[in-house]
C-alpha cells in the first residue's frame, strides 16, 4: 500500500482540489481522490462539483460507477474531511458509499466538527475493517479553506 510520503502527497492534492468547491454557509469545501494501489488516480471529486448537494467522496465514487467491474479493495480514498455518516440533503452517506464500493483504506486530514451533523465516519469505517489514516497537520489548511463555515472561536478542532 501507500507509504506516509505518498499519503501526504495525495492528501495535499485533495486539499488543493477542495479549493474548487464553491463556498456556501451550508457545506464544507472538501476534496477527494481515489487512487489505486499502483498510484493511478481513478477519480476525483469536490463538494458541489456537479450538484450543490454533492459531497466530494460521493462525486468521486459516482465517476467510478458503470466502469468495468473494478475491484477497489486495494484502492485508497483521500478525503480532506472525515466521510459523513449523517446528512440532511440525501439518504446515502459517504461512509456507506465507501463501504459499498469495497474501498478498504481511507486517509483524512480532519474529523468533521459537529456543525451540520454528528459524524462518526472514522469509527464506522474502522468497525468495518477499513484502515483509516489521519494526517492531522494538514487539518490546519482544511480549517482555513472552510473558514466560511467553521467559527474557530466556538468549535474545538482538536483530535
N, C-alpha and C. Protein backbone atom coordinates (compact mmCIF):
# COMPACT_ATOMS: atom_id res chain seq x y z
N UNK A 1 0.84 -1.18 0.00
CA UNK A 1 0.00 0.00 0.00
C UNK A 1 0.88 1.25 0.00
N UNK A 2 0.27 2.37 0.16
CA UNK A 2 0.99 3.64 0.13
C UNK A 2 1.78 3.83 1.40
N UNK A 3 2.92 4.52 1.25
CA UNK A 3 3.66 4.89 2.44
C UNK A 3 3.25 6.29 2.88
N UNK A 4 3.82 6.75 3.99
CA UNK A 4 3.43 8.04 4.53
C UNK A 4 3.67 9.20 3.57
N UNK A 5 4.77 9.16 2.82
CA UNK A 5 5.04 10.24 1.86
C UNK A 5 3.99 10.27 0.76
N UNK A 6 3.61 9.11 0.26
CA UNK A 6 2.56 9.06 -0.76
C UNK A 6 1.23 9.57 -0.20
N UNK A 7 0.92 9.15 1.02
CA UNK A 7 -0.32 9.60 1.65
C UNK A 7 -0.34 11.12 1.77
N UNK A 8 0.75 11.70 2.21
CA UNK A 8 0.82 13.16 2.36
C UNK A 8 0.67 13.84 1.00
N UNK A 9 1.31 13.30 -0.03
CA UNK A 9 1.22 13.88 -1.37
C UNK A 9 -0.22 13.86 -1.88
N UNK A 10 -0.88 12.71 -1.76
CA UNK A 10 -2.25 12.59 -2.28
C UNK A 10 -3.24 13.41 -1.46
N UNK A 11 -3.05 13.44 -0.14
CA UNK A 11 -3.97 14.22 0.68
C UNK A 11 -3.76 15.72 0.44
N UNK A 12 -2.53 16.14 0.21
CA UNK A 12 -2.26 17.54 -0.14
C UNK A 12 -2.94 17.88 -1.46
N UNK A 13 -2.91 16.97 -2.41
CA UNK A 13 -3.60 17.18 -3.69
C UNK A 13 -5.12 17.30 -3.46
N UNK A 14 -5.66 16.51 -2.55
CA UNK A 14 -7.09 16.61 -2.23
C UNK A 14 -7.41 17.95 -1.59
N UNK A 15 -6.50 18.44 -0.74
CA UNK A 15 -6.70 19.76 -0.12
C UNK A 15 -6.78 20.83 -1.22
N UNK A 16 -5.87 20.76 -2.18
CA UNK A 16 -5.89 21.73 -3.30
C UNK A 16 -7.18 21.60 -4.10
N UNK A 17 -7.63 20.38 -4.33
CA UNK A 17 -8.88 20.14 -5.06
C UNK A 17 -10.07 20.75 -4.32
N UNK A 18 -10.03 20.72 -3.00
CA UNK A 18 -11.16 21.26 -2.22
C UNK A 18 -11.33 22.76 -2.44
N UNK A 19 -10.28 23.44 -2.88
CA UNK A 19 -10.37 24.88 -3.13
C UNK A 19 -11.31 25.19 -4.30
N UNK A 20 -11.63 24.18 -5.12
CA UNK A 20 -12.55 24.36 -6.25
C UNK A 20 -14.01 24.37 -5.81
N UNK A 21 -14.27 23.91 -4.60
CA UNK A 21 -15.65 23.85 -4.11
C UNK A 21 -16.19 25.25 -3.89
N UNK A 22 -17.37 25.54 -4.41
CA UNK A 22 -17.96 26.86 -4.18
C UNK A 22 -18.30 27.04 -2.71
N UNK A 23 -17.81 28.11 -2.08
CA UNK A 23 -18.09 28.30 -0.65
C UNK A 23 -19.56 28.64 -0.41
N UNK A 24 -20.15 27.92 0.52
CA UNK A 24 -21.52 28.21 0.95
C UNK A 24 -21.55 28.11 2.47
N UNK A 25 -22.56 28.69 3.08
CA UNK A 25 -22.70 28.64 4.54
C UNK A 25 -23.23 27.29 5.01
N UNK A 26 -23.63 26.42 4.08
CA UNK A 26 -24.23 25.15 4.47
C UNK A 26 -23.41 23.92 4.07
N UNK A 27 -22.23 24.13 3.49
CA UNK A 27 -21.41 23.00 3.05
C UNK A 27 -19.95 23.23 3.40
N UNK A 28 -19.29 22.14 3.76
CA UNK A 28 -17.84 22.18 3.85
C UNK A 28 -17.28 22.09 2.44
N UNK A 29 -16.14 22.71 2.21
CA UNK A 29 -15.41 22.56 0.95
C UNK A 29 -14.46 21.38 1.13
N UNK A 30 -14.74 20.28 0.44
CA UNK A 30 -13.99 19.04 0.61
C UNK A 30 -13.48 18.58 -0.74
N UNK A 31 -12.30 18.00 -0.75
CA UNK A 31 -11.75 17.36 -1.95
C UNK A 31 -11.52 15.89 -1.67
N UNK A 32 -11.72 15.05 -2.68
CA UNK A 32 -11.49 13.61 -2.54
C UNK A 32 -10.84 13.06 -3.79
N UNK A 33 -9.91 12.14 -3.60
CA UNK A 33 -9.21 11.50 -4.71
C UNK A 33 -9.15 10.00 -4.42
N UNK A 34 -9.56 9.19 -5.40
CA UNK A 34 -9.45 7.73 -5.30
C UNK A 34 -8.23 7.32 -6.11
N UNK A 35 -7.32 6.61 -5.45
CA UNK A 35 -6.05 6.22 -6.05
C UNK A 35 -5.91 4.70 -5.94
N UNK A 36 -5.49 4.05 -7.03
CA UNK A 36 -5.31 2.61 -6.96
C UNK A 36 -3.97 2.27 -6.30
N UNK A 37 -3.76 0.99 -6.08
CA UNK A 37 -2.55 0.53 -5.37
C UNK A 37 -1.26 0.97 -6.05
N UNK A 38 -1.28 1.11 -7.36
CA UNK A 38 -0.08 1.50 -8.10
C UNK A 38 0.12 3.00 -8.21
N UNK A 39 -0.77 3.79 -7.62
CA UNK A 39 -0.62 5.25 -7.66
C UNK A 39 -1.33 5.93 -8.82
N UNK A 40 -2.23 5.22 -9.48
CA UNK A 40 -3.01 5.80 -10.58
C UNK A 40 -4.29 6.43 -10.02
N UNK A 41 -4.55 7.67 -10.40
CA UNK A 41 -5.79 8.33 -9.98
C UNK A 41 -6.95 7.72 -10.75
N UNK A 42 -7.91 7.21 -10.01
CA UNK A 42 -9.10 6.61 -10.62
C UNK A 42 -10.23 7.62 -10.76
N UNK A 43 -10.34 8.52 -9.78
CA UNK A 43 -11.41 9.52 -9.82
C UNK A 43 -11.13 10.61 -8.79
N UNK A 44 -11.68 11.78 -9.06
CA UNK A 44 -11.60 12.91 -8.12
C UNK A 44 -12.98 13.51 -7.96
N UNK A 45 -13.16 14.23 -6.89
CA UNK A 45 -14.41 14.94 -6.67
C UNK A 45 -14.23 16.04 -5.66
N UNK A 46 -15.09 17.04 -5.73
CA UNK A 46 -15.10 18.08 -4.71
C UNK A 46 -16.54 18.48 -4.43
N UNK A 47 -16.75 19.05 -3.28
CA UNK A 47 -18.09 19.46 -2.87
C UNK A 47 -18.73 20.31 -3.95
N UNK A 48 -19.96 19.97 -4.30
CA UNK A 48 -20.73 20.77 -5.25
C UNK A 48 -20.23 20.74 -6.68
N UNK A 49 -19.43 19.76 -7.04
CA UNK A 49 -18.84 19.71 -8.39
C UNK A 49 -19.91 19.63 -9.48
N UNK A 50 -20.88 18.76 -9.33
CA UNK A 50 -21.94 18.60 -10.33
C UNK A 50 -23.24 19.21 -9.82
N UNK A 51 -23.58 18.89 -8.59
CA UNK A 51 -24.82 19.35 -7.95
C UNK A 51 -24.42 20.00 -6.63
N UNK A 52 -25.06 21.08 -6.25
CA UNK A 52 -24.68 21.76 -5.00
C UNK A 52 -24.73 20.85 -3.76
N UNK A 53 -25.54 19.78 -3.83
CA UNK A 53 -25.66 18.87 -2.69
C UNK A 53 -24.60 17.78 -2.68
N UNK A 54 -23.81 17.66 -3.74
CA UNK A 54 -22.81 16.59 -3.83
C UNK A 54 -21.70 16.75 -2.81
N UNK A 55 -21.39 15.66 -2.13
CA UNK A 55 -20.22 15.60 -1.29
C UNK A 55 -19.05 15.13 -2.15
N UNK A 56 -17.84 15.43 -1.74
CA UNK A 56 -16.65 15.12 -2.54
C UNK A 56 -16.49 13.63 -2.79
N UNK A 57 -16.61 12.82 -1.74
CA UNK A 57 -16.45 11.37 -1.89
C UNK A 57 -17.55 10.81 -2.78
N UNK A 58 -18.75 11.30 -2.58
CA UNK A 58 -19.90 10.89 -3.39
C UNK A 58 -19.64 11.15 -4.87
N UNK A 59 -19.12 12.34 -5.18
CA UNK A 59 -18.84 12.69 -6.57
C UNK A 59 -17.75 11.83 -7.18
N UNK A 60 -16.68 11.61 -6.42
CA UNK A 60 -15.59 10.78 -6.94
C UNK A 60 -16.07 9.36 -7.19
N UNK A 61 -16.80 8.79 -6.24
CA UNK A 61 -17.26 7.41 -6.39
C UNK A 61 -18.30 7.28 -7.51
N UNK A 62 -19.10 8.31 -7.72
CA UNK A 62 -20.09 8.28 -8.81
C UNK A 62 -19.40 8.17 -10.17
N UNK A 63 -18.23 8.75 -10.29
CA UNK A 63 -17.48 8.68 -11.55
C UNK A 63 -16.99 7.27 -11.83
N UNK A 64 -16.93 6.44 -10.81
CA UNK A 64 -16.46 5.06 -10.98
C UNK A 64 -17.60 4.10 -11.27
N UNK A 65 -18.84 4.53 -11.06
CA UNK A 65 -19.99 3.67 -11.37
C UNK A 65 -20.06 3.46 -12.86
N UNK A 66 -20.42 2.27 -13.24
CA UNK A 66 -20.55 1.98 -14.66
C UNK A 66 -19.24 1.60 -15.31
N UNK A 67 -18.14 1.83 -14.61
CA UNK A 67 -16.84 1.39 -15.15
C UNK A 67 -16.84 -0.13 -15.11
N UNK A 68 -16.03 -0.73 -15.95
CA UNK A 68 -15.94 -2.18 -15.94
C UNK A 68 -15.74 -2.63 -14.50
N UNK A 69 -16.36 -3.72 -14.13
CA UNK A 69 -16.32 -4.19 -12.74
C UNK A 69 -14.92 -3.99 -12.17
N UNK A 70 -14.78 -2.96 -11.42
CA UNK A 70 -13.48 -2.56 -10.89
C UNK A 70 -13.39 -2.97 -9.43
N UNK A 71 -12.30 -3.65 -9.10
CA UNK A 71 -12.04 -4.05 -7.73
C UNK A 71 -11.35 -2.88 -7.03
N UNK A 72 -12.03 -2.27 -6.08
CA UNK A 72 -11.49 -1.12 -5.37
C UNK A 72 -10.92 -1.51 -4.00
N UNK A 73 -10.82 -2.81 -3.73
CA UNK A 73 -10.36 -3.24 -2.42
C UNK A 73 -8.91 -2.84 -2.14
N UNK A 74 -8.13 -2.58 -3.16
CA UNK A 74 -6.74 -2.15 -2.97
C UNK A 74 -6.57 -0.65 -3.16
N UNK A 75 -7.67 0.05 -3.41
CA UNK A 75 -7.61 1.50 -3.62
C UNK A 75 -7.66 2.23 -2.28
N UNK A 76 -7.23 3.48 -2.31
CA UNK A 76 -7.32 4.37 -1.16
C UNK A 76 -8.12 5.59 -1.58
N UNK A 77 -9.01 6.05 -0.70
CA UNK A 77 -9.67 7.33 -0.95
C UNK A 77 -9.08 8.34 0.02
N UNK A 78 -8.63 9.44 -0.55
CA UNK A 78 -8.07 10.56 0.21
C UNK A 78 -9.15 11.63 0.28
N UNK A 79 -9.55 11.99 1.49
CA UNK A 79 -10.59 12.99 1.67
C UNK A 79 -10.13 14.00 2.71
N UNK A 80 -10.33 15.26 2.42
CA UNK A 80 -9.86 16.29 3.34
C UNK A 80 -10.63 16.30 4.65
N UNK A 81 -11.85 15.77 4.64
CA UNK A 81 -12.68 15.75 5.84
C UNK A 81 -13.22 14.34 6.04
N UNK A 82 -13.40 13.96 7.26
CA UNK A 82 -13.96 12.66 7.61
C UNK A 82 -15.23 12.39 6.81
N UNK A 83 -15.34 11.21 6.19
CA UNK A 83 -16.56 10.88 5.45
C UNK A 83 -17.78 10.90 6.37
N UNK A 84 -18.87 11.46 5.86
CA UNK A 84 -20.08 11.64 6.67
C UNK A 84 -20.76 10.32 6.97
N UNK A 85 -21.46 10.32 8.12
CA UNK A 85 -22.33 9.20 8.49
C UNK A 85 -23.77 9.66 8.68
N UNK A 86 -23.99 10.94 8.50
CA UNK A 86 -25.35 11.51 8.57
C UNK A 86 -25.37 12.70 7.64
N UNK A 87 -26.48 12.86 6.95
CA UNK A 87 -26.64 14.05 6.11
C UNK A 87 -28.10 14.37 5.92
N UNK A 88 -28.34 15.62 5.67
CA UNK A 88 -29.72 16.10 5.51
C UNK A 88 -30.15 16.13 4.06
N UNK A 89 -29.21 16.31 3.15
CA UNK A 89 -29.57 16.54 1.75
C UNK A 89 -29.87 15.27 0.96
N UNK A 90 -29.37 14.13 1.42
CA UNK A 90 -29.57 12.87 0.70
C UNK A 90 -29.59 11.71 1.69
N UNK A 91 -30.22 10.61 1.32
CA UNK A 91 -30.28 9.48 2.25
C UNK A 91 -28.95 8.73 2.37
N UNK A 92 -28.15 8.67 1.31
CA UNK A 92 -26.90 7.92 1.35
C UNK A 92 -25.77 8.74 1.92
N UNK A 93 -24.96 8.11 2.77
CA UNK A 93 -23.82 8.80 3.36
C UNK A 93 -22.54 8.42 2.63
N UNK A 94 -21.54 9.23 2.78
CA UNK A 94 -20.25 8.94 2.13
C UNK A 94 -19.61 7.69 2.72
N UNK A 95 -19.78 7.49 4.02
CA UNK A 95 -19.24 6.29 4.64
C UNK A 95 -19.89 5.04 4.04
N UNK A 96 -21.20 5.05 3.87
CA UNK A 96 -21.87 3.88 3.29
C UNK A 96 -21.46 3.67 1.83
N UNK A 97 -21.23 4.77 1.09
CA UNK A 97 -20.78 4.64 -0.30
C UNK A 97 -19.38 4.04 -0.38
N UNK A 98 -18.50 4.44 0.52
CA UNK A 98 -17.14 3.90 0.56
C UNK A 98 -17.19 2.41 0.87
N UNK A 99 -17.98 2.03 1.86
CA UNK A 99 -18.10 0.62 2.20
C UNK A 99 -18.69 -0.18 1.04
N UNK A 100 -19.72 0.34 0.40
CA UNK A 100 -20.36 -0.36 -0.73
C UNK A 100 -19.40 -0.51 -1.91
N UNK A 101 -18.49 0.46 -2.09
CA UNK A 101 -17.53 0.39 -3.19
C UNK A 101 -16.42 -0.62 -2.91
N UNK A 102 -16.29 -1.05 -1.66
CA UNK A 102 -15.27 -2.03 -1.32
C UNK A 102 -13.90 -1.43 -1.02
N UNK A 103 -13.83 -0.12 -0.86
CA UNK A 103 -12.56 0.53 -0.54
C UNK A 103 -12.18 0.16 0.89
N UNK A 104 -10.95 -0.25 1.09
CA UNK A 104 -10.50 -0.75 2.39
C UNK A 104 -9.52 0.19 3.09
N UNK A 105 -9.27 1.37 2.48
CA UNK A 105 -8.29 2.30 3.07
C UNK A 105 -8.75 3.73 2.81
N UNK A 106 -8.76 4.55 3.87
CA UNK A 106 -9.19 5.94 3.80
C UNK A 106 -8.15 6.79 4.52
N UNK A 107 -7.78 7.92 3.92
CA UNK A 107 -6.84 8.86 4.54
C UNK A 107 -7.53 10.21 4.62
N UNK A 108 -7.55 10.80 5.82
CA UNK A 108 -8.22 12.09 6.03
C UNK A 108 -7.28 13.08 6.72
N UNK A 109 -7.63 14.36 6.63
CA UNK A 109 -6.87 15.40 7.32
C UNK A 109 -7.57 15.85 8.60
N UNK A 110 -8.89 15.81 8.62
CA UNK A 110 -9.62 16.41 9.73
C UNK A 110 -10.92 15.65 9.97
N UNK A 111 -11.22 15.40 11.22
CA UNK A 111 -12.53 14.83 11.56
C UNK A 111 -13.58 15.94 11.44
N UNK A 112 -14.78 15.54 11.10
CA UNK A 112 -15.85 16.53 10.88
C UNK A 112 -16.31 17.15 12.19
N UNK A 113 -16.24 18.47 12.30
CA UNK A 113 -16.77 19.13 13.50
C UNK A 113 -18.29 18.97 13.56
N UNK A 114 -18.84 19.05 14.76
CA UNK A 114 -20.28 18.92 14.93
C UNK A 114 -20.92 20.29 14.66
N UNK A 115 -21.09 20.59 13.38
CA UNK A 115 -21.76 21.82 12.96
C UNK A 115 -23.05 21.52 12.23
N UNK A 116 -22.98 20.58 11.29
CA UNK A 116 -24.16 20.22 10.50
C UNK A 116 -24.74 18.87 10.91
N UNK A 117 -23.87 17.96 11.32
CA UNK A 117 -24.29 16.62 11.70
C UNK A 117 -23.26 16.04 12.66
N UNK A 118 -23.71 15.10 13.48
CA UNK A 118 -22.80 14.41 14.39
C UNK A 118 -22.26 13.20 13.64
N UNK A 119 -21.02 13.31 13.21
CA UNK A 119 -20.42 12.32 12.32
C UNK A 119 -19.47 11.40 13.09
N UNK A 120 -19.51 10.12 12.77
CA UNK A 120 -18.56 9.19 13.35
C UNK A 120 -18.01 8.25 12.27
N UNK A 121 -17.66 8.85 11.13
CA UNK A 121 -17.18 8.09 9.99
C UNK A 121 -15.94 7.27 10.26
N UNK A 122 -14.99 7.82 11.00
CA UNK A 122 -13.76 7.09 11.29
C UNK A 122 -14.09 5.81 12.06
N UNK A 123 -14.92 5.92 13.09
CA UNK A 123 -15.27 4.75 13.90
C UNK A 123 -16.06 3.72 13.09
N UNK A 124 -17.01 4.19 12.28
CA UNK A 124 -17.80 3.26 11.47
C UNK A 124 -16.91 2.52 10.48
N UNK A 125 -16.04 3.26 9.79
CA UNK A 125 -15.14 2.62 8.83
C UNK A 125 -14.25 1.60 9.52
N UNK A 126 -13.63 2.00 10.61
CA UNK A 126 -12.75 1.07 11.34
C UNK A 126 -13.53 -0.13 11.84
N UNK A 127 -14.77 0.08 12.25
CA UNK A 127 -15.61 -1.02 12.71
C UNK A 127 -15.91 -2.03 11.61
N UNK A 128 -15.79 -1.60 10.36
CA UNK A 128 -15.98 -2.49 9.22
C UNK A 128 -14.65 -2.98 8.65
N UNK A 129 -13.58 -2.80 9.39
CA UNK A 129 -12.27 -3.32 8.97
C UNK A 129 -11.52 -2.45 8.00
N UNK A 130 -11.97 -1.21 7.78
CA UNK A 130 -11.29 -0.30 6.87
C UNK A 130 -10.15 0.38 7.64
N UNK A 131 -8.98 0.43 7.02
CA UNK A 131 -7.87 1.15 7.61
C UNK A 131 -8.10 2.65 7.41
N UNK A 132 -8.05 3.42 8.48
CA UNK A 132 -8.21 4.87 8.41
C UNK A 132 -6.94 5.51 8.94
N UNK A 133 -6.33 6.36 8.11
CA UNK A 133 -5.12 7.08 8.48
C UNK A 133 -5.49 8.55 8.59
N UNK A 134 -5.05 9.19 9.66
CA UNK A 134 -5.32 10.61 9.86
C UNK A 134 -4.00 11.38 9.81
N UNK A 135 -3.92 12.39 8.97
CA UNK A 135 -2.74 13.25 8.87
C UNK A 135 -3.17 14.61 9.42
N UNK A 136 -3.08 14.73 10.73
CA UNK A 136 -3.64 15.87 11.45
C UNK A 136 -3.05 17.22 11.05
N UNK A 137 -1.77 17.27 10.73
CA UNK A 137 -1.17 18.59 10.47
C UNK A 137 -1.71 19.24 9.20
N UNK A 138 -2.31 18.48 8.31
CA UNK A 138 -2.94 19.08 7.12
C UNK A 138 -4.33 19.65 7.47
N UNK A 139 -4.81 19.35 8.67
CA UNK A 139 -6.10 19.86 9.10
C UNK A 139 -6.15 21.38 9.17
N UNK A 140 -5.02 22.02 9.44
CA UNK A 140 -4.99 23.50 9.51
C UNK A 140 -5.43 24.10 8.17
N UNK A 141 -4.92 23.55 7.07
CA UNK A 141 -5.32 24.04 5.74
C UNK A 141 -6.80 23.80 5.48
N UNK A 142 -7.28 22.64 5.91
CA UNK A 142 -8.70 22.31 5.72
C UNK A 142 -9.56 23.30 6.50
N UNK A 143 -9.16 23.62 7.72
CA UNK A 143 -9.91 24.61 8.52
C UNK A 143 -9.90 25.98 7.84
N UNK A 144 -8.74 26.38 7.31
CA UNK A 144 -8.65 27.68 6.63
C UNK A 144 -9.55 27.74 5.40
N UNK A 145 -9.53 26.69 4.60
CA UNK A 145 -10.36 26.63 3.40
C UNK A 145 -11.84 26.67 3.78
N UNK A 146 -12.16 26.15 4.95
CA UNK A 146 -13.55 26.08 5.42
C UNK A 146 -13.89 27.16 6.43
N UNK A 147 -13.13 28.22 6.44
CA UNK A 147 -13.40 29.31 7.39
C UNK A 147 -14.79 29.92 7.16
N UNK A 148 -15.35 29.72 5.97
CA UNK A 148 -16.69 30.24 5.69
C UNK A 148 -17.78 29.55 6.52
N UNK A 149 -17.48 28.37 7.08
CA UNK A 149 -18.46 27.68 7.93
C UNK A 149 -17.94 27.37 9.33
N UNK A 150 -16.65 27.34 9.50
CA UNK A 150 -16.07 26.98 10.79
C UNK A 150 -15.69 28.23 11.58
N UNK A 151 -16.34 28.42 12.69
CA UNK A 151 -16.00 29.54 13.56
C UNK A 151 -15.04 28.99 14.62
N UNK A 152 -13.75 29.21 14.41
CA UNK A 152 -12.73 28.61 15.27
C UNK A 152 -12.82 29.07 16.71
N UNK A 153 -13.52 30.15 16.99
CA UNK A 153 -13.67 30.60 18.37
C UNK A 153 -14.67 29.73 19.13
N UNK A 154 -15.57 29.05 18.42
CA UNK A 154 -16.61 28.29 19.10
C UNK A 154 -16.49 26.79 18.91
N UNK A 155 -15.64 26.35 18.01
CA UNK A 155 -15.56 24.92 17.70
C UNK A 155 -14.18 24.41 18.09
N UNK A 156 -14.15 23.27 18.78
CA UNK A 156 -12.88 22.63 19.13
C UNK A 156 -12.49 21.69 18.00
N UNK A 157 -11.35 21.97 17.36
CA UNK A 157 -10.92 21.17 16.22
C UNK A 157 -9.84 20.17 16.58
N UNK A 158 -9.54 19.98 17.84
CA UNK A 158 -8.50 19.03 18.22
C UNK A 158 -9.03 17.62 18.10
N UNK A 159 -8.11 16.69 17.96
CA UNK A 159 -8.50 15.27 17.91
C UNK A 159 -8.86 14.89 16.60
